[in-house]
C-alpha cells in the first residue's frame, strides 16, 4: 500500500493514539482487583433496599444501613479476638 506524506503523518498519529489508549487500558487492568462481596443479601432484603432507594434515595438508605451495621458490629467483641491472634 502506498501512502503520501500527509497520509503517513495521519497514520502515525492514529497509531500513537491507539498505543496511548492501549497503555491506559493495560494500566487500568493492572491496577484492578476482583470485587468480592463481603455480604450476601436475601432476595427479600434486596427488594426492600431497592424500594427504599427509590423512595428515599440511595445516599439516605446507604447511610442508615451502614449505621445499623456499624452498631451491630459494635456488639461483637472484635477487639478481644484481634488481641488473641
PDB file of N, CA and C in Angstrom:
ATOM      1  N   UNK A   1       0.851  -1.167   0.000  1.00  0.00           N
ATOM      2  CA  UNK A   1       0.000   0.000   0.000  1.00  0.00           C
ATOM      3  C   UNK A   1       0.899   1.232   0.000  1.00  0.00           C
ATOM      4  N   UNK A   2       0.657   2.105  -0.880  1.00  0.00           N
ATOM      5  CA  UNK A   2       1.428   3.340  -0.961  1.00  0.00           C
ATOM      6  C   UNK A   2       0.615   4.476  -0.374  1.00  0.00           C
ATOM      7  N   UNK A   3       1.315   5.324   0.399  1.00  0.00           N
ATOM      8  CA  UNK A   3       0.657   6.491   1.002  1.00  0.00           C
ATOM      9  C   UNK A   3       1.530   7.713   0.798  1.00  0.00           C
ATOM     10  N   UNK A   4       0.868   8.869   0.789  1.00  0.00           N
ATOM     11  CA  UNK A   4       1.639  10.110   0.641  1.00  0.00           C
ATOM     12  C   UNK A   4       2.076  10.605   2.022  1.00  0.00           C
ATOM     13  N   UNK A   5       2.821  11.693   2.053  1.00  0.00           N
ATOM     14  CA  UNK A   5       3.376  12.222   3.300  1.00  0.00           C
ATOM     15  C   UNK A   5       2.318  12.582   4.317  1.00  0.00           C
ATOM     16  N   UNK A   6       1.223  13.210   3.878  1.00  0.00           N
ATOM     17  CA  UNK A   6       0.140  13.596   4.777  1.00  0.00           C
ATOM     18  C   UNK A   6      -0.543  12.357   5.361  1.00  0.00           C
ATOM     19  N   UNK A   7      -0.806  11.365   4.524  1.00  0.00           N
ATOM     20  CA  UNK A   7      -1.413  10.118   4.998  1.00  0.00           C
ATOM     21  C   UNK A   7      -0.484   9.413   5.985  1.00  0.00           C
ATOM     22  N   UNK A   8       0.822   9.490   5.726  1.00  0.00           N
ATOM     23  CA  UNK A   8       1.798   8.869   6.618  1.00  0.00           C
ATOM     24  C   UNK A   8       1.739   9.516   8.006  1.00  0.00           C
ATOM     25  N   UNK A   9       1.643  10.856   8.056  1.00  0.00           N
ATOM     26  CA  UNK A   9       1.557  11.570   9.324  1.00  0.00           C
ATOM     27  C   UNK A   9       0.277  11.213  10.073  1.00  0.00           C
ATOM     28  N   UNK A  10      -0.840  11.177   9.337  1.00  0.00           N
ATOM     29  CA  UNK A  10      -2.125  10.840   9.958  1.00  0.00           C
ATOM     30  C   UNK A  10      -2.124   9.409  10.492  1.00  0.00           C
ATOM     31  N   UNK A  11      -1.562   8.494   9.716  1.00  0.00           N
ATOM     32  CA  UNK A  11      -1.491   7.100  10.149  1.00  0.00           C
ATOM     33  C   UNK A  11      -0.598   6.967  11.383  1.00  0.00           C
ATOM     34  N   UNK A  12       0.517   7.664  11.394  1.00  0.00           N
ATOM     35  CA  UNK A  12       1.420   7.647  12.546  1.00  0.00           C
ATOM     36  C   UNK A  12       0.728   8.202  13.787  1.00  0.00           C
ATOM     37  N   UNK A  13      -0.021   9.296  13.597  1.00  0.00           N
ATOM     38  CA  UNK A  13      -0.758   9.911  14.698  1.00  0.00           C
ATOM     39  C   UNK A  13      -1.814   8.942  15.245  1.00  0.00           C
ATOM     40  N   UNK A  14      -2.519   8.262  14.354  1.00  0.00           N
ATOM     41  CA  UNK A  14      -3.540   7.299  14.764  1.00  0.00           C
ATOM     42  C   UNK A  14      -2.909   6.145  15.547  1.00  0.00           C
ATOM     43  N   UNK A  15      -1.763   5.668  15.091  1.00  0.00           N
ATOM     44  CA  UNK A  15      -1.074   4.581  15.793  1.00  0.00           C
ATOM     45  C   UNK A  15      -0.660   5.036  17.186  1.00  0.00           C
ATOM     46  N   UNK A  16      -0.162   6.261  17.311  1.00  0.00           N
ATOM     47  CA  UNK A  16       0.217   6.800  18.616  1.00  0.00           C
ATOM     48  C   UNK A  16      -0.983   6.861  19.558  1.00  0.00           C
ATOM     49  N   UNK A  17      -2.128   7.298  19.042  1.00  0.00           N
ATOM     50  CA  UNK A  17      -3.336   7.398  19.867  1.00  0.00           C
ATOM     51  C   UNK A  17      -3.816   6.008  20.304  1.00  0.00           C
ATOM     52  N   UNK A  18      -3.751   5.049  19.406  1.00  0.00           N
ATOM     53  CA  UNK A  18      -4.143   3.678  19.751  1.00  0.00           C
ATOM     54  C   UNK A  18      -3.216   3.129  20.831  1.00  0.00           C
ATOM     55  N   UNK A  19      -1.925   3.387  20.673  1.00  0.00           N
ATOM     56  CA  UNK A  19      -0.944   2.908  21.650  1.00  0.00           C
ATOM     57  C   UNK A  19      -1.197   3.533  23.019  1.00  0.00           C
ATOM     58  N   UNK A  20      -1.461   4.846  23.059  1.00  0.00           N
ATOM     59  CA  UNK A  20      -1.763   5.517  24.323  1.00  0.00           C
ATOM     60  C   UNK A  20      -3.018   4.927  24.965  1.00  0.00           C
ATOM     61  N   UNK A  21      -4.038   4.696  24.140  1.00  0.00           N
ATOM     62  CA  UNK A  21      -5.272   4.109  24.661  1.00  0.00           C
ATOM     63  C   UNK A  21      -5.042   2.717  25.208  1.00  0.00           C
ATOM     64  N   UNK A  22      -4.269   1.924  24.504  1.00  0.00           N
ATOM     65  CA  UNK A  22      -3.962   0.569  24.958  1.00  0.00           C
ATOM     66  C   UNK A  22      -3.166   0.610  26.255  1.00  0.00           C
ATOM     67  N   UNK A  23      -2.211   1.529  26.350  1.00  0.00           N
ATOM     68  CA  UNK A  23      -1.434   1.679  27.587  1.00  0.00           C
ATOM     69  C   UNK A  23      -2.341   2.009  28.761  1.00  0.00           C
ATOM     70  N   UNK A  24      -3.322   2.871  28.531  1.00  0.00           N
ATOM     71  CA  UNK A  24      -4.271   3.240  29.587  1.00  0.00           C
ATOM     72  C   UNK A  24      -5.101   2.038  30.015  1.00  0.00           C
ATOM     73  N   UNK A  25      -5.578   1.258  29.072  1.00  0.00           N
ATOM     74  CA  UNK A  25      -6.372   0.064  29.385  1.00  0.00           C
ATOM     75  C   UNK A  25      -5.526  -0.940  30.167  1.00  0.00           C
ATOM     76  N   UNK A  26      -4.295  -1.140  29.750  1.00  0.00           N
ATOM     77  CA  UNK A  26      -3.399  -2.072  30.450  1.00  0.00           C
ATOM     78  C   UNK A  26      -3.147  -1.587  31.876  1.00  0.00           C
ATOM     79  N   UNK A  27      -2.944  -0.292  32.053  1.00  0.00           N
ATOM     80  CA  UNK A  27      -2.723   0.269  33.390  1.00  0.00           C
ATOM     81  C   UNK A  27      -3.947   0.055  34.277  1.00  0.00           C
ATOM     82  N   UNK A  28      -5.128   0.316  33.739  1.00  0.00           N
ATOM     83  CA  UNK A  28      -6.363   0.093  34.500  1.00  0.00           C
ATOM     84  C   UNK A  28      -6.508  -1.380  34.871  1.00  0.00           C
ATOM     85  N   UNK A  29      -6.213  -2.261  33.945  1.00  0.00           N
ATOM     86  CA  UNK A  29      -6.297  -3.701  34.210  1.00  0.00           C
ATOM     87  C   UNK A  29      -5.316  -4.096  35.315  1.00  0.00           C
ATOM     88  N   UNK A  30      -4.085  -3.614  35.224  1.00  0.00           N
ATOM     89  CA  UNK A  30      -3.070  -3.975  36.210  1.00  0.00           C
ATOM     90  C   UNK A  30      -3.399  -3.459  37.606  1.00  0.00           C
ATOM     91  N   UNK A  31      -4.111  -2.342  37.691  1.00  0.00           N
ATOM     92  CA  UNK A  31      -4.480  -1.768  38.976  1.00  0.00           C
ATOM     93  C   UNK A  31      -5.802  -2.319  39.511  1.00  0.00           C
ATOM     94  N   UNK A  32      -6.502  -3.094  38.710  1.00  0.00           N
ATOM     95  CA  UNK A  32      -7.807  -3.588  39.117  1.00  0.00           C
ATOM     96  C   UNK A  32      -7.668  -4.766  40.075  1.00  0.00           C
ATOM     97  N   UNK A  33      -8.732  -4.985  40.820  1.00  0.00           N
ATOM     98  CA  UNK A  33      -8.804  -6.144  41.696  1.00  0.00           C
ATOM     99  C   UNK A  33     -10.235  -6.660  41.673  1.00  0.00           C
ATOM    100  N   UNK A  34     -10.391  -7.938  41.953  1.00  0.00           N
ATOM    101  CA  UNK A  34     -11.713  -8.540  41.923  1.00  0.00           C
ATOM    102  C   UNK A  34     -12.573  -7.961  43.038  1.00  0.00           C
ATOM    103  N   UNK A  35     -13.798  -7.660  42.716  1.00  0.00           N
ATOM    104  CA  UNK A  35     -14.756  -7.158  43.693  1.00  0.00           C
ATOM    105  C   UNK A  35     -15.501  -8.349  44.261  1.00  0.00           C
ATOM    106  N   UNK A  36     -15.122  -8.734  45.465  1.00  0.00           N
ATOM    107  CA  UNK A  36     -15.766  -9.871  46.107  1.00  0.00           C
ATOM    108  C   UNK A  36     -16.695  -9.349  47.194  1.00  0.00           C
ATOM    109  N   UNK A  37     -17.982  -9.649  47.073  1.00  0.00           N
ATOM    110  CA  UNK A  37     -18.923  -9.148  48.078  1.00  0.00           C
ATOM    111  C   UNK A  37     -18.604  -9.740  49.452  1.00  0.00           C
ATOM    112  N   UNK A  38     -18.723  -8.922  50.498  1.00  0.00           N
ATOM    113  CA  UNK A  38     -18.456  -9.405  51.838  1.00  0.00           C
ATOM    114  C   UNK A  38     -19.735  -9.850  52.544  1.00  0.00           C
ATOM    115  N   UNK A  39     -20.851  -9.621  51.889  1.00  0.00           N
ATOM    116  CA  UNK A  39     -22.136  -9.945  52.477  1.00  0.00           C
ATOM    117  C   UNK A  39     -23.103 -10.358  51.378  1.00  0.00           C
ATOM    118  N   UNK A  40     -23.887 -11.380  51.639  1.00  0.00           N
ATOM    119  CA  UNK A  40     -24.912 -11.797  50.680  1.00  0.00           C
ATOM    120  C   UNK A  40     -26.271 -11.375  51.219  1.00  0.00           C
ATOM    121  N   UNK A  41     -27.030 -10.686  50.398  1.00  0.00           N
ATOM    122  CA  UNK A  41     -28.354 -10.230  50.807  1.00  0.00           C
ATOM    123  C   UNK A  41     -29.399 -11.227  50.332  1.00  0.00           C
ATOM    124  N   UNK A  42     -30.433 -11.414  51.126  1.00  0.00           N
ATOM    125  CA  UNK A  42     -31.552 -12.256  50.709  1.00  0.00           C
ATOM    126  C   UNK A  42     -32.334 -11.518  49.632  1.00  0.00           C
ATOM    127  N   UNK A  43     -33.071 -12.261  48.839  1.00  0.00           N
ATOM    128  CA  UNK A  43     -33.888 -11.639  47.786  1.00  0.00           C
ATOM    129  C   UNK A  43     -34.904 -10.674  48.397  1.00  0.00           C
ATOM    130  N   UNK A  44     -35.441 -11.036  49.551  1.00  0.00           N
ATOM    131  CA  UNK A  44     -36.414 -10.169  50.228  1.00  0.00           C
ATOM    132  C   UNK A  44     -35.762  -8.834  50.606  1.00  0.00           C
ATOM    133  N   UNK A  45     -34.545  -8.887  51.169  1.00  0.00           N
ATOM    134  CA  UNK A  45     -33.858  -7.648  51.554  1.00  0.00           C
ATOM    135  C   UNK A  45     -33.438  -6.830  50.341  1.00  0.00           C
ATOM    136  N   UNK A  46     -33.028  -7.493  49.279  1.00  0.00           N
ATOM    137  CA  UNK A  46     -32.672  -6.784  48.051  1.00  0.00           C
ATOM    138  C   UNK A  46     -33.873  -6.007  47.536  1.00  0.00           C
ATOM    139  N   UNK A  47     -35.016  -6.647  47.541  1.00  0.00           N
ATOM    140  CA  UNK A  47     -36.242  -5.996  47.086  1.00  0.00           C
ATOM    141  C   UNK A  47     -36.582  -4.787  47.961  1.00  0.00           C
ATOM    142  N   UNK A  48     -36.449  -4.959  49.274  1.00  0.00           N
ATOM    143  CA  UNK A  48     -36.747  -3.851  50.195  1.00  0.00           C
ATOM    144  C   UNK A  48     -35.754  -2.700  50.017  1.00  0.00           C
ATOM    145  N   UNK A  49     -34.478  -3.033  49.846  1.00  0.00           N
ATOM    146  CA  UNK A  49     -33.470  -1.992  49.652  1.00  0.00           C
ATOM    147  C   UNK A  49     -33.745  -1.220  48.372  1.00  0.00           C
ATOM    148  N   UNK A  50     -34.102  -1.927  47.301  1.00  0.00           N
ATOM    149  CA  UNK A  50     -34.412  -1.255  46.035  1.00  0.00           C
ATOM    150  C   UNK A  50     -35.598  -0.312  46.197  1.00  0.00           C
ATOM    151  N   UNK A  51     -36.640  -0.775  46.877  1.00  0.00           N
ATOM    152  CA  UNK A  51     -37.816   0.079  47.086  1.00  0.00           C
ATOM    153  C   UNK A  51     -37.454   1.291  47.940  1.00  0.00           C
ATOM    154  N   UNK A  52     -36.656   1.073  48.980  1.00  0.00           N
ATOM    155  CA  UNK A  52     -36.243   2.178  49.839  1.00  0.00           C
ATOM    156  C   UNK A  52     -35.380   3.179  49.060  1.00  0.00           C
ATOM    157  N   UNK A  53     -34.485   2.662  48.200  1.00  0.00           N
ATOM    158  CA  UNK A  53     -33.647   3.542  47.376  1.00  0.00           C
ATOM    159  C   UNK A  53     -34.500   4.424  46.489  1.00  0.00           C
ATOM    160  N   UNK A  54     -35.536   3.847  45.893  1.00  0.00           N
ATOM    161  CA  UNK A  54     -36.421   4.618  45.019  1.00  0.00           C
ATOM    162  C   UNK A  54     -37.189   5.677  45.806  1.00  0.00           C
ATOM    163  N   UNK A  55     -37.592   5.324  47.016  1.00  0.00           N
ATOM    164  CA  UNK A  55     -38.420   6.232  47.811  1.00  0.00           C
ATOM    165  C   UNK A  55     -37.602   7.308  48.517  1.00  0.00           C
ATOM    166  N   UNK A  56     -36.470   6.922  49.146  1.00  0.00           N
ATOM    167  CA  UNK A  56     -35.697   7.855  49.964  1.00  0.00           C
ATOM    168  C   UNK A  56     -34.388   8.317  49.317  1.00  0.00           C
ATOM    169  N   UNK A  57     -33.926   7.584  48.299  1.00  0.00           N
ATOM    170  CA  UNK A  57     -32.642   7.898  47.677  1.00  0.00           C
ATOM    171  C   UNK A  57     -31.542   6.988  48.218  1.00  0.00           C
ATOM    172  N   UNK A  58     -30.609   6.669  47.357  1.00  0.00           N
ATOM    173  CA  UNK A  58     -29.555   5.719  47.700  1.00  0.00           C
ATOM    174  C   UNK A  58     -28.715   6.209  48.878  1.00  0.00           C
ATOM    175  N   UNK A  59     -28.354   7.495  48.896  1.00  0.00           N
ATOM    176  CA  UNK A  59     -27.488   8.004  49.965  1.00  0.00           C
ATOM    177  C   UNK A  59     -28.122   7.855  51.336  1.00  0.00           C
ATOM    178  N   UNK A  60     -29.406   8.157  51.447  1.00  0.00           N
ATOM    179  CA  UNK A  60     -30.099   8.060  52.733  1.00  0.00           C
ATOM    180  C   UNK A  60     -30.129   6.608  53.193  1.00  0.00           C
ATOM    181  N   UNK A  61     -30.514   5.709  52.292  1.00  0.00           N
ATOM    182  CA  UNK A  61     -30.620   4.290  52.644  1.00  0.00           C
ATOM    183  C   UNK A  61     -29.242   3.735  52.991  1.00  0.00           C
ATOM    184  N   UNK A  62     -28.255   4.063  52.188  1.00  0.00           N
ATOM    185  CA  UNK A  62     -26.899   3.570  52.430  1.00  0.00           C
ATOM    186  C   UNK A  62     -26.374   4.041  53.788  1.00  0.00           C
ATOM    187  N   UNK A  63     -26.614   5.302  54.124  1.00  0.00           N
ATOM    188  CA  UNK A  63     -26.173   5.850  55.408  1.00  0.00           C
ATOM    189  C   UNK A  63     -26.838   5.116  56.558  1.00  0.00           C
ATOM    190  N   UNK A  64     -28.137   4.891  56.443  1.00  0.00           N
ATOM    191  CA  UNK A  64     -28.866   4.214  57.519  1.00  0.00           C
ATOM    192  C   UNK A  64     -28.407   2.760  57.667  1.00  0.00           C
ATOM    193  N   UNK A  65     -28.243   2.050  56.569  1.00  0.00           N
ATOM    194  CA  UNK A  65     -27.804   0.654  56.639  1.00  0.00           C
ATOM    195  C   UNK A  65     -26.396   0.582  57.236  1.00  0.00           C
ATOM    196  N   UNK A  66     -25.499   1.469  56.802  1.00  0.00           N
ATOM    197  CA  UNK A  66     -24.142   1.474  57.355  1.00  0.00           C
ATOM    198  C   UNK A  66     -24.144   1.753  58.851  1.00  0.00           C
ATOM    199  N   UNK A  67     -25.004   2.668  59.304  1.00  0.00           N
ATOM    200  CA  UNK A  67     -25.079   2.986  60.729  1.00  0.00           C
ATOM    201  C   UNK A  67     -25.572   1.778  61.521  1.00  0.00           C
ATOM    202  N   UNK A  68     -26.599   1.106  61.016  1.00  0.00           N
ATOM    203  CA  UNK A  68     -27.145  -0.061  61.706  1.00  0.00           C
ATOM    204  C   UNK A  68     -26.116  -1.181  61.757  1.00  0.00           C
ATOM    205  N   UNK A  69     -25.444  -1.434  60.636  1.00  0.00           N
ATOM    206  CA  UNK A  69     -24.433  -2.498  60.594  1.00  0.00           C
ATOM    207  C   UNK A  69     -23.288  -2.156  61.548  1.00  0.00           C
ATOM    208  N   UNK A  70     -22.873  -0.906  61.569  1.00  0.00           N
ATOM    209  CA  UNK A  70     -21.799  -0.484  62.472  1.00  0.00           C
ATOM    210  C   UNK A  70     -22.191  -0.719  63.927  1.00  0.00           C
ATOM    211  N   UNK A  71     -23.404  -0.336  64.287  1.00  0.00           N
ATOM    212  CA  UNK A  71     -23.876  -0.556  65.658  1.00  0.00           C
ATOM    213  C   UNK A  71     -23.946  -2.041  65.983  1.00  0.00           C
ATOM    214  N   UNK A  72     -24.412  -2.852  65.032  1.00  0.00           N
ATOM    215  CA  UNK A  72     -24.496  -4.285  65.253  1.00  0.00           C
ATOM    216  C   UNK A  72     -23.099  -4.881  65.458  1.00  0.00           C
ATOM    217  N   UNK A  73     -22.136  -4.433  64.655  1.00  0.00           N
ATOM    218  CA  UNK A  73     -20.770  -4.938  64.783  1.00  0.00           C
ATOM    219  C   UNK A  73     -20.128  -4.506  66.101  1.00  0.00           C
ATOM    220  N   UNK A  74     -20.581  -3.372  66.646  1.00  0.00           N
ATOM    221  CA  UNK A  74     -20.084  -2.942  67.950  1.00  0.00           C
ATOM    222  C   UNK A  74     -20.467  -3.922  69.052  1.00  0.00           C
ATOM    223  N   UNK A  75     -21.514  -4.701  68.850  1.00  0.00           N
ATOM    224  CA  UNK A  75     -21.925  -5.691  69.841  1.00  0.00           C
ATOM    225  C   UNK A  75     -20.950  -6.866  69.912  1.00  0.00           C
ATOM    226  N   UNK A  76     -20.230  -7.078  68.831  1.00  0.00           N
ATOM    227  CA  UNK A  76     -19.305  -8.206  68.781  1.00  0.00           C
ATOM    228  C   UNK A  76     -17.962  -7.811  69.385  1.00  0.00           C
ATOM    229  N   UNK A  77     -17.349  -8.690  70.154  1.00  0.00           N
ATOM    230  CA  UNK A  77     -16.057  -8.356  70.775  1.00  0.00           C
ATOM    231  C   UNK A  77     -14.903  -8.512  69.782  1.00  0.00           C
ATOM    232  N   UNK A  78     -14.887  -7.695  68.744  1.00  0.00           N
ATOM    233  CA  UNK A  78     -13.879  -7.825  67.690  1.00  0.00           C
ATOM    234  C   UNK A  78     -12.480  -7.503  68.196  1.00  0.00           C
ATOM    235  N   UNK A  79     -12.338  -6.501  69.071  1.00  0.00           N
ATOM    236  CA  UNK A  79     -11.019  -6.135  69.582  1.00  0.00           C
ATOM    237  C   UNK A  79     -10.419  -7.273  70.397  1.00  0.00           C
ATOM    238  N   UNK A  80     -11.241  -7.956  71.203  1.00  0.00           N
ATOM    239  CA  UNK A  80     -10.748  -9.067  72.011  1.00  0.00           C
ATOM    240  C   UNK A  80     -10.223 -10.196  71.139  1.00  0.00           C
ATOM    241  N   UNK A  81     -10.918 -10.479  70.015  1.00  0.00           N
ATOM    242  CA  UNK A  81     -10.470 -11.523  69.111  1.00  0.00           C
ATOM    243  C   UNK A  81      -9.153 -11.130  68.447  1.00  0.00           C
ATOM    244  N   UNK A  82      -9.003  -9.851  68.096  1.00  0.00           N
ATOM    245  CA  UNK A  82      -7.757  -9.385  67.469  1.00  0.00           C
ATOM    246  C   UNK A  82      -6.579  -9.581  68.416  1.00  0.00           C
ATOM    247  N   UNK A  83      -6.798  -9.318  69.712  1.00  0.00           N
ATOM    248  CA  UNK A  83      -5.730  -9.458  70.703  1.00  0.00           C
ATOM    249  C   UNK A  83      -5.329 -10.917  70.890  1.00  0.00           C
ATOM    250  N   UNK A  84      -6.271 -11.845  70.726  1.00  0.00           N
ATOM    251  CA  UNK A  84      -5.984 -13.275  70.886  1.00  0.00           C
ATOM    252  C   UNK A  84      -5.132 -13.818  69.759  1.00  0.00           C
ATOM    253  N   UNK A  85      -5.214 -13.213  68.565  1.00  0.00           N
ATOM    254  CA  UNK A  85      -4.480 -13.742  67.404  1.00  0.00           C
ATOM    255  C   UNK A  85      -3.159 -13.133  67.307  1.00  0.00           C
TER     256      UNK A  85
END
